[in-house]
Amino acid sequence: MNAKEYLGQVKSKEAKIRNLRRDRDSIKEMMYSLGGSGEGERVQTSRNNDKFGTLYGRIDEMEREIDTQIADLIKFKLKVSKEINEIGNGKYMTVLNCKYIHFMSWEDIAENGFEVRYSVRHVQKMHERAVIEFQKIHEEMLANADEEPEIRNALAL
């Protein structure tokens, strides 16, 4: 695995959480749109009469999954941030942190990421060098990343 793929996993994990939240919200909307149960005599059916209970159970299950994913994301973000800080070059650390931890655009990094303003192209070149430096420093970890279950699972996101 290369450094860009590895660093990009943070954004993938955040996207998964956003999607889970959308799915949960969709189920909540579905639950609110259900009408009350009809009164009157029923003929024998195998239908689920506890629609609300089923949906509440599903929402609870999704909430627990979201909480687990958030905890994993926080742990992974801290790990990646620590690895970025091992580079030693302040500008490289800043550009990688802004791009992969805070998901800033090139324009935002150029304007707000540093004490002085840089051109977008300069920031992009600095990013290229920073990724190469990250790759060098963490070469062994990145080479073994495909073998580690935590990282392999993150790639599936």
N, C-alpha and C. Protein backbone atom coordinates (compact mmCIF):
# COMPACT_ATOMS: atom_id res chain seq x y z
N MET A 1 0.84 -1.17 0.00
CA MET A 1 0.00 0.00 0.00
C MET A 1 0.89 1.24 0.00
N ASN A 2 0.47 2.23 -0.74
CA ASN A 2 1.28 3.45 -0.73
C ASN A 2 0.74 4.45 0.29
N ALA A 3 1.49 5.50 0.51
CA ALA A 3 1.16 6.47 1.55
C ALA A 3 -0.17 7.17 1.29
N LYS A 4 -0.46 7.53 0.05
CA LYS A 4 -1.72 8.22 -0.26
C LYS A 4 -2.92 7.33 0.04
N GLU A 5 -2.83 6.06 -0.30
CA GLU A 5 -3.93 5.13 -0.01
C GLU A 5 -4.14 5.02 1.49
N TYR A 6 -3.04 4.89 2.20
CA TYR A 6 -3.11 4.75 3.65
C TYR A 6 -3.73 6.00 4.29
N LEU A 7 -3.24 7.17 3.92
CA LEU A 7 -3.75 8.41 4.49
C LEU A 7 -5.20 8.65 4.09
N GLY A 8 -5.58 8.22 2.90
CA GLY A 8 -6.95 8.40 2.41
C GLY A 8 -7.98 7.58 3.16
N GLN A 9 -7.53 6.62 3.95
CA GLN A 9 -8.46 5.79 4.71
C GLN A 9 -9.26 6.59 5.74
N VAL A 10 -8.69 7.69 6.22
CA VAL A 10 -9.40 8.51 7.20
C VAL A 10 -10.69 9.03 6.57
N LYS A 11 -10.59 9.54 5.36
CA LYS A 11 -11.77 10.08 4.68
C LYS A 11 -12.78 8.97 4.38
N SER A 12 -12.30 7.79 4.03
CA SER A 12 -13.19 6.66 3.76
C SER A 12 -13.97 6.27 5.01
N LYS A 13 -13.30 6.28 6.14
CA LYS A 13 -13.97 5.94 7.40
C LYS A 13 -15.02 6.99 7.74
N GLU A 14 -14.73 8.25 7.51
CA GLU A 14 -15.71 9.30 7.77
C GLU A 14 -16.91 9.16 6.84
N ALA A 15 -16.66 8.80 5.58
CA ALA A 15 -17.75 8.62 4.62
C ALA A 15 -18.66 7.47 5.05
N LYS A 16 -18.08 6.41 5.56
CA LYS A 16 -18.88 5.27 6.03
C LYS A 16 -19.80 5.71 7.17
N ILE A 17 -19.27 6.50 8.09
CA ILE A 17 -20.08 6.98 9.21
C ILE A 17 -21.21 7.87 8.70
N ARG A 18 -20.92 8.76 7.76
CA ARG A 18 -21.96 9.62 7.19
C ARG A 18 -23.07 8.78 6.56
N ASN A 19 -22.67 7.74 5.82
CA ASN A 19 -23.66 6.87 5.18
C ASN A 19 -24.51 6.13 6.20
N LEU A 20 -23.88 5.63 7.25
CA LEU A 20 -24.64 4.95 8.31
C LEU A 20 -25.64 5.91 8.96
N ARG A 21 -25.22 7.14 9.18
CA ARG A 21 -26.13 8.14 9.77
C ARG A 21 -27.31 8.43 8.84
N ARG A 22 -27.03 8.54 7.54
CA ARG A 22 -28.12 8.76 6.57
C ARG A 22 -29.10 7.59 6.59
N ASP A 23 -28.56 6.38 6.63
CA ASP A 23 -29.42 5.19 6.67
C ASP A 23 -30.28 5.19 7.93
N ARG A 24 -29.68 5.51 9.06
CA ARG A 24 -30.42 5.57 10.32
C ARG A 24 -31.52 6.62 10.24
N ASP A 25 -31.18 7.79 9.71
CA ASP A 25 -32.17 8.86 9.60
C ASP A 25 -33.31 8.46 8.66
N SER A 26 -33.00 7.72 7.63
CA SER A 26 -34.02 7.24 6.70
C SER A 26 -34.98 6.28 7.40
N ILE A 27 -34.44 5.41 8.24
CA ILE A 27 -35.30 4.48 8.98
C ILE A 27 -36.17 5.25 9.98
N LYS A 28 -35.60 6.28 10.60
CA LYS A 28 -36.39 7.09 11.53
C LYS A 28 -37.55 7.76 10.79
N GLU A 29 -37.27 8.29 9.61
CA GLU A 29 -38.33 8.93 8.82
C GLU A 29 -39.40 7.92 8.45
N MET A 30 -38.98 6.71 8.11
CA MET A 30 -39.92 5.66 7.77
C MET A 30 -40.81 5.35 8.97
N MET A 31 -40.21 5.30 10.14
CA MET A 31 -40.95 5.00 11.35
C MET A 31 -41.99 6.08 11.62
N TYR A 32 -41.61 7.34 11.43
CA TYR A 32 -42.53 8.44 11.70
C TYR A 32 -43.67 8.48 10.68
N SER A 33 -43.42 7.94 9.50
CA SER A 33 -44.45 7.97 8.46
C SER A 33 -45.44 6.82 8.57
N LEU A 34 -45.13 5.83 9.43
CA LEU A 34 -46.06 4.71 9.60
C LEU A 34 -47.33 5.19 10.28
N GLY A 35 -48.43 4.69 9.81
CA GLY A 35 -49.71 5.03 10.44
C GLY A 35 -49.94 4.14 11.64
N GLY A 36 -50.94 4.48 12.41
CA GLY A 36 -51.29 3.66 13.56
C GLY A 36 -51.90 2.35 13.11
N SER A 37 -51.99 1.40 14.00
CA SER A 37 -52.56 0.12 13.64
C SER A 37 -54.06 0.27 13.52
N GLY A 38 -54.63 -0.42 12.58
CA GLY A 38 -56.07 -0.33 12.34
C GLY A 38 -56.83 -1.07 13.43
N GLU A 39 -58.00 -0.57 13.74
CA GLU A 39 -58.89 -1.22 14.70
C GLU A 39 -59.79 -2.15 13.89
N GLY A 40 -60.28 -3.13 14.50
CA GLY A 40 -61.20 -4.02 13.80
C GLY A 40 -60.70 -5.44 13.84
N GLU A 41 -61.55 -6.30 13.34
CA GLU A 41 -61.26 -7.72 13.38
C GLU A 41 -60.24 -8.10 12.33
N ARG A 42 -59.29 -8.93 12.73
CA ARG A 42 -58.24 -9.36 11.81
C ARG A 42 -58.40 -10.83 11.52
N VAL A 43 -58.04 -11.16 10.31
CA VAL A 43 -57.98 -12.56 9.91
C VAL A 43 -56.58 -13.04 10.21
N GLN A 44 -56.40 -14.31 10.38
CA GLN A 44 -55.10 -14.88 10.72
C GLN A 44 -54.05 -14.48 9.68
N THR A 45 -52.95 -13.83 10.15
CA THR A 45 -51.87 -13.42 9.25
C THR A 45 -50.54 -13.71 9.92
N SER A 46 -49.50 -13.71 9.11
CA SER A 46 -48.16 -13.89 9.66
C SER A 46 -47.38 -12.59 9.59
N ARG A 47 -48.09 -11.52 9.40
CA ARG A 47 -47.48 -10.20 9.27
C ARG A 47 -46.91 -9.71 10.59
N ASN A 48 -45.87 -8.93 10.52
CA ASN A 48 -45.26 -8.35 11.71
C ASN A 48 -46.13 -7.19 12.17
N ASN A 49 -46.78 -7.35 13.30
CA ASN A 49 -47.66 -6.30 13.81
C ASN A 49 -46.91 -5.28 14.66
N ASP A 50 -45.66 -5.54 14.99
CA ASP A 50 -44.87 -4.61 15.81
C ASP A 50 -43.87 -3.87 14.93
N LYS A 51 -44.41 -3.07 14.01
CA LYS A 51 -43.54 -2.32 13.09
C LYS A 51 -42.61 -1.39 13.86
N PHE A 52 -43.18 -0.70 14.84
CA PHE A 52 -42.38 0.26 15.59
C PHE A 52 -41.25 -0.43 16.36
N GLY A 53 -41.58 -1.53 17.00
CA GLY A 53 -40.57 -2.28 17.75
C GLY A 53 -39.45 -2.75 16.85
N THR A 54 -39.80 -3.24 15.68
CA THR A 54 -38.79 -3.71 14.72
C THR A 54 -37.90 -2.55 14.28
N LEU A 55 -38.51 -1.42 13.98
CA LEU A 55 -37.73 -0.25 13.54
C LEU A 55 -36.89 0.31 14.68
N TYR A 56 -37.44 0.36 15.89
CA TYR A 56 -36.65 0.82 17.03
C TYR A 56 -35.43 -0.07 17.24
N GLY A 57 -35.65 -1.38 17.12
CA GLY A 57 -34.53 -2.33 17.25
C GLY A 57 -33.47 -2.08 16.20
N ARG A 58 -33.89 -1.84 14.97
CA ARG A 58 -32.94 -1.58 13.88
C ARG A 58 -32.18 -0.27 14.11
N ILE A 59 -32.91 0.74 14.56
CA ILE A 59 -32.26 2.04 14.83
C ILE A 59 -31.24 1.89 15.95
N ASP A 60 -31.60 1.16 17.01
CA ASP A 60 -30.68 0.93 18.11
C ASP A 60 -29.42 0.20 17.63
N GLU A 61 -29.62 -0.80 16.80
CA GLU A 61 -28.49 -1.55 16.23
C GLU A 61 -27.59 -0.64 15.41
N MET A 62 -28.20 0.24 14.62
CA MET A 62 -27.42 1.17 13.80
C MET A 62 -26.68 2.18 14.68
N GLU A 63 -27.32 2.65 15.75
CA GLU A 63 -26.67 3.60 16.66
C GLU A 63 -25.41 2.97 17.26
N ARG A 64 -25.51 1.70 17.66
CA ARG A 64 -24.34 1.03 18.22
C ARG A 64 -23.24 0.88 17.17
N GLU A 65 -23.62 0.57 15.94
CA GLU A 65 -22.63 0.45 14.86
C GLU A 65 -21.96 1.80 14.60
N ILE A 66 -22.74 2.87 14.59
CA ILE A 66 -22.18 4.21 14.38
C ILE A 66 -21.20 4.56 15.50
N ASP A 67 -21.59 4.28 16.75
CA ASP A 67 -20.70 4.55 17.89
C ASP A 67 -19.39 3.78 17.76
N THR A 68 -19.47 2.53 17.34
CA THR A 68 -18.26 1.71 17.15
C THR A 68 -17.39 2.29 16.05
N GLN A 69 -18.00 2.67 14.94
CA GLN A 69 -17.25 3.24 13.83
C GLN A 69 -16.60 4.57 14.20
N ILE A 70 -17.30 5.38 14.99
CA ILE A 70 -16.73 6.66 15.44
C ILE A 70 -15.53 6.41 16.34
N ALA A 71 -15.65 5.46 17.26
CA ALA A 71 -14.52 5.14 18.14
C ALA A 71 -13.33 4.65 17.33
N ASP A 72 -13.57 3.81 16.32
CA ASP A 72 -12.50 3.33 15.44
C ASP A 72 -11.87 4.48 14.67
N LEU A 73 -12.71 5.40 14.17
CA LEU A 73 -12.21 6.55 13.42
C LEU A 73 -11.32 7.42 14.30
N ILE A 74 -11.75 7.70 15.50
CA ILE A 74 -10.95 8.54 16.40
C ILE A 74 -9.60 7.90 16.66
N LYS A 75 -9.62 6.61 16.94
CA LYS A 75 -8.37 5.88 17.20
C LYS A 75 -7.46 5.93 15.97
N PHE A 76 -8.03 5.70 14.79
CA PHE A 76 -7.24 5.70 13.56
C PHE A 76 -6.71 7.10 13.24
N LYS A 77 -7.55 8.13 13.43
CA LYS A 77 -7.12 9.50 13.17
C LYS A 77 -5.94 9.89 14.05
N LEU A 78 -6.02 9.52 15.33
CA LEU A 78 -4.92 9.83 16.24
C LEU A 78 -3.64 9.10 15.83
N LYS A 79 -3.78 7.86 15.38
CA LYS A 79 -2.63 7.08 14.92
C LYS A 79 -2.00 7.73 13.70
N VAL A 80 -2.84 8.10 12.73
CA VAL A 80 -2.33 8.72 11.50
C VAL A 80 -1.71 10.07 11.81
N SER A 81 -2.35 10.84 12.67
CA SER A 81 -1.80 12.15 13.04
C SER A 81 -0.43 12.01 13.69
N LYS A 82 -0.30 11.02 14.57
CA LYS A 82 1.00 10.77 15.21
C LYS A 82 2.04 10.39 14.16
N GLU A 83 1.67 9.55 13.20
CA GLU A 83 2.60 9.14 12.14
C GLU A 83 2.99 10.31 11.26
N ILE A 84 2.04 11.21 10.99
CA ILE A 84 2.35 12.41 10.21
C ILE A 84 3.36 13.27 10.98
N ASN A 85 3.18 13.39 12.28
CA ASN A 85 4.08 14.22 13.09
C ASN A 85 5.49 13.65 13.21
N GLU A 86 5.67 12.41 12.84
CA GLU A 86 7.00 11.80 12.87
C GLU A 86 7.87 12.25 11.69
N ILE A 87 7.28 12.94 10.75
CA ILE A 87 8.05 13.41 9.58
C ILE A 87 9.15 14.37 10.00
N GLY A 88 8.84 15.29 10.90
CA GLY A 88 9.86 16.20 11.38
C GLY A 88 9.89 17.54 10.65
N ASN A 89 9.49 17.59 9.41
CA ASN A 89 9.43 18.84 8.65
C ASN A 89 8.07 19.48 8.91
N GLY A 90 8.09 20.66 9.52
CA GLY A 90 6.86 21.33 9.91
C GLY A 90 5.90 21.61 8.76
N LYS A 91 6.43 22.02 7.63
CA LYS A 91 5.56 22.31 6.48
C LYS A 91 4.92 21.04 5.95
N TYR A 92 5.69 19.97 5.90
CA TYR A 92 5.15 18.69 5.43
C TYR A 92 4.08 18.18 6.39
N MET A 93 4.36 18.30 7.68
CA MET A 93 3.37 17.87 8.67
C MET A 93 2.08 18.67 8.51
N THR A 94 2.20 19.96 8.32
CA THR A 94 1.03 20.82 8.19
C THR A 94 0.20 20.46 6.97
N VAL A 95 0.85 20.31 5.83
CA VAL A 95 0.10 20.04 4.61
C VAL A 95 -0.59 18.67 4.68
N LEU A 96 0.08 17.66 5.22
CA LEU A 96 -0.56 16.34 5.34
C LEU A 96 -1.68 16.36 6.36
N ASN A 97 -1.48 17.06 7.47
CA ASN A 97 -2.51 17.15 8.49
C ASN A 97 -3.74 17.88 7.96
N CYS A 98 -3.52 18.98 7.28
CA CYS A 98 -4.64 19.74 6.72
C CYS A 98 -5.41 18.91 5.68
N LYS A 99 -4.69 18.19 4.85
CA LYS A 99 -5.32 17.44 3.76
C LYS A 99 -6.00 16.16 4.25
N TYR A 100 -5.35 15.38 5.08
CA TYR A 100 -5.85 14.04 5.41
C TYR A 100 -6.54 13.92 6.77
N ILE A 101 -6.34 14.87 7.64
CA ILE A 101 -7.01 14.83 8.94
C ILE A 101 -8.18 15.82 8.96
N HIS A 102 -7.98 16.99 8.36
CA HIS A 102 -9.03 18.03 8.38
C HIS A 102 -9.73 18.20 7.04
N PHE A 103 -9.30 17.48 6.02
CA PHE A 103 -9.94 17.46 4.69
C PHE A 103 -10.11 18.85 4.08
N MET A 104 -9.07 19.66 4.25
CA MET A 104 -9.11 21.01 3.69
C MET A 104 -8.81 20.95 2.19
N SER A 105 -9.39 21.87 1.46
CA SER A 105 -9.13 21.98 0.02
C SER A 105 -7.74 22.57 -0.18
N TRP A 106 -7.21 22.43 -1.40
CA TRP A 106 -5.90 23.01 -1.70
C TRP A 106 -5.91 24.51 -1.46
N GLU A 107 -7.00 25.16 -1.83
CA GLU A 107 -7.11 26.61 -1.67
C GLU A 107 -7.09 26.99 -0.19
N ASP A 108 -7.84 26.24 0.62
CA ASP A 108 -7.86 26.53 2.06
C ASP A 108 -6.50 26.30 2.71
N ILE A 109 -5.82 25.25 2.28
CA ILE A 109 -4.48 24.99 2.83
C ILE A 109 -3.54 26.13 2.45
N ALA A 110 -3.60 26.57 1.19
CA ALA A 110 -2.73 27.65 0.72
C ALA A 110 -2.99 28.95 1.48
N GLU A 111 -4.26 29.24 1.74
CA GLU A 111 -4.61 30.50 2.38
C GLU A 111 -4.52 30.46 3.90
N ASN A 112 -4.88 29.32 4.52
CA ASN A 112 -5.03 29.29 5.97
C ASN A 112 -4.14 28.28 6.69
N GLY A 113 -3.49 27.42 5.96
CA GLY A 113 -2.74 26.34 6.60
C GLY A 113 -1.40 26.77 7.19
N PHE A 114 -0.88 27.86 6.71
CA PHE A 114 0.46 28.30 7.13
C PHE A 114 0.41 29.74 7.59
N GLU A 115 1.49 30.18 8.20
CA GLU A 115 1.55 31.57 8.65
C GLU A 115 1.65 32.53 7.47
N VAL A 116 2.21 32.06 6.38
CA VAL A 116 2.27 32.87 5.16
C VAL A 116 1.43 32.18 4.09
N ARG A 117 0.98 32.97 3.12
CA ARG A 117 0.19 32.39 2.04
C ARG A 117 1.11 31.80 0.99
N TYR A 118 0.70 30.65 0.50
CA TYR A 118 1.39 30.01 -0.60
C TYR A 118 0.43 29.89 -1.76
N SER A 119 0.98 29.69 -2.95
CA SER A 119 0.11 29.42 -4.09
C SER A 119 -0.39 27.98 -3.96
N VAL A 120 -1.51 27.70 -4.60
CA VAL A 120 -2.06 26.35 -4.59
C VAL A 120 -1.06 25.38 -5.18
N ARG A 121 -0.42 25.77 -6.25
CA ARG A 121 0.56 24.89 -6.91
C ARG A 121 1.73 24.57 -5.98
N HIS A 122 2.18 25.58 -5.24
CA HIS A 122 3.28 25.35 -4.29
C HIS A 122 2.85 24.36 -3.21
N VAL A 123 1.63 24.49 -2.72
CA VAL A 123 1.12 23.58 -1.70
C VAL A 123 1.02 22.16 -2.27
N GLN A 124 0.59 22.04 -3.52
CA GLN A 124 0.48 20.72 -4.15
C GLN A 124 1.86 20.07 -4.30
N LYS A 125 2.85 20.86 -4.68
CA LYS A 125 4.21 20.32 -4.79
C LYS A 125 4.75 19.92 -3.42
N MET A 126 4.46 20.76 -2.42
CA MET A 126 4.88 20.44 -1.06
C MET A 126 4.21 19.14 -0.61
N HIS A 127 2.95 18.97 -0.97
CA HIS A 127 2.22 17.76 -0.64
C HIS A 127 2.88 16.53 -1.27
N GLU A 128 3.25 16.64 -2.53
CA GLU A 128 3.92 15.53 -3.21
C GLU A 128 5.19 15.12 -2.47
N ARG A 129 5.98 16.12 -2.07
CA ARG A 129 7.23 15.83 -1.33
C ARG A 129 6.91 15.25 0.05
N ALA A 130 5.87 15.76 0.69
CA ALA A 130 5.49 15.28 2.01
C ALA A 130 5.04 13.82 1.95
N VAL A 131 4.29 13.46 0.91
CA VAL A 131 3.83 12.08 0.76
C VAL A 131 5.03 11.15 0.54
N ILE A 132 5.98 11.60 -0.26
CA ILE A 132 7.20 10.81 -0.49
C ILE A 132 7.95 10.62 0.83
N GLU A 133 8.05 11.68 1.60
CA GLU A 133 8.74 11.60 2.90
C GLU A 133 7.99 10.65 3.85
N PHE A 134 6.67 10.75 3.88
CA PHE A 134 5.86 9.86 4.71
C PHE A 134 6.08 8.40 4.29
N GLN A 135 6.12 8.18 2.99
CA GLN A 135 6.35 6.83 2.45
C GLN A 135 7.71 6.29 2.90
N LYS A 136 8.74 7.14 2.85
CA LYS A 136 10.08 6.71 3.27
C LYS A 136 10.12 6.36 4.76
N ILE A 137 9.57 7.24 5.56
CA ILE A 137 9.62 7.05 7.01
C ILE A 137 8.82 5.82 7.45
N HIS A 138 7.70 5.59 6.80
CA HIS A 138 6.79 4.52 7.23
C HIS A 138 6.74 3.38 6.22
N GLU A 139 7.81 3.19 5.49
CA GLU A 139 7.86 2.17 4.44
C GLU A 139 7.50 0.78 4.96
N GLU A 140 8.09 0.41 6.08
CA GLU A 140 7.84 -0.93 6.62
C GLU A 140 6.39 -1.10 7.05
N MET A 141 5.86 -0.10 7.75
CA MET A 141 4.47 -0.15 8.20
C MET A 141 3.53 -0.23 7.00
N LEU A 142 3.78 0.56 5.96
CA LEU A 142 2.92 0.55 4.78
C LEU A 142 3.02 -0.78 4.03
N ALA A 143 4.20 -1.37 4.01
CA ALA A 143 4.38 -2.66 3.34
C ALA A 143 3.60 -3.75 4.06
N ASN A 144 3.51 -3.64 5.38
CA ASN A 144 2.80 -4.64 6.18
C ASN A 144 1.33 -4.30 6.36
N ALA A 145 0.91 -3.14 5.87
CA ALA A 145 -0.46 -2.68 6.10
C ALA A 145 -1.50 -3.63 5.54
N ASP A 146 -1.21 -4.27 4.43
CA ASP A 146 -2.17 -5.20 3.84
C ASP A 146 -2.34 -6.45 4.68
N GLU A 147 -1.36 -6.74 5.52
CA GLU A 147 -1.42 -7.94 6.34
C GLU A 147 -2.14 -7.70 7.66
N GLU A 148 -2.24 -6.45 8.11
CA GLU A 148 -2.86 -6.14 9.39
C GLU A 148 -4.37 -6.11 9.22
N PRO A 149 -5.12 -6.86 10.04
CA PRO A 149 -6.57 -6.93 9.90
C PRO A 149 -7.25 -5.58 10.04
N GLU A 150 -6.79 -4.74 10.98
CA GLU A 150 -7.42 -3.44 11.19
C GLU A 150 -7.32 -2.60 9.92
N ILE A 151 -6.17 -2.58 9.32
CA ILE A 151 -5.97 -1.77 8.12
C ILE A 151 -6.67 -2.41 6.93
N ARG A 152 -6.63 -3.73 6.83
CA ARG A 152 -7.30 -4.42 5.74
C ARG A 152 -8.80 -4.14 5.80
N ASN A 153 -9.38 -4.15 7.00
CA ASN A 153 -10.80 -3.84 7.16
C ASN A 153 -11.09 -2.40 6.78
N ALA A 154 -10.17 -1.49 7.07
CA ALA A 154 -10.36 -0.10 6.72
C ALA A 154 -10.37 0.08 5.21
N LEU A 155 -9.60 -0.72 4.50
CA LEU A 155 -9.57 -0.63 3.05
C LEU A 155 -10.91 -1.05 2.44
N ALA A 156 -11.63 -1.90 3.11
CA ALA A 156 -12.90 -2.37 2.61
C ALA A 156 -13.99 -1.32 2.72
N LEU A 157 -13.70 -0.21 3.41
CA LEU A 157 -14.71 0.83 3.60
C LEU A 157 -15.08 1.49 2.32
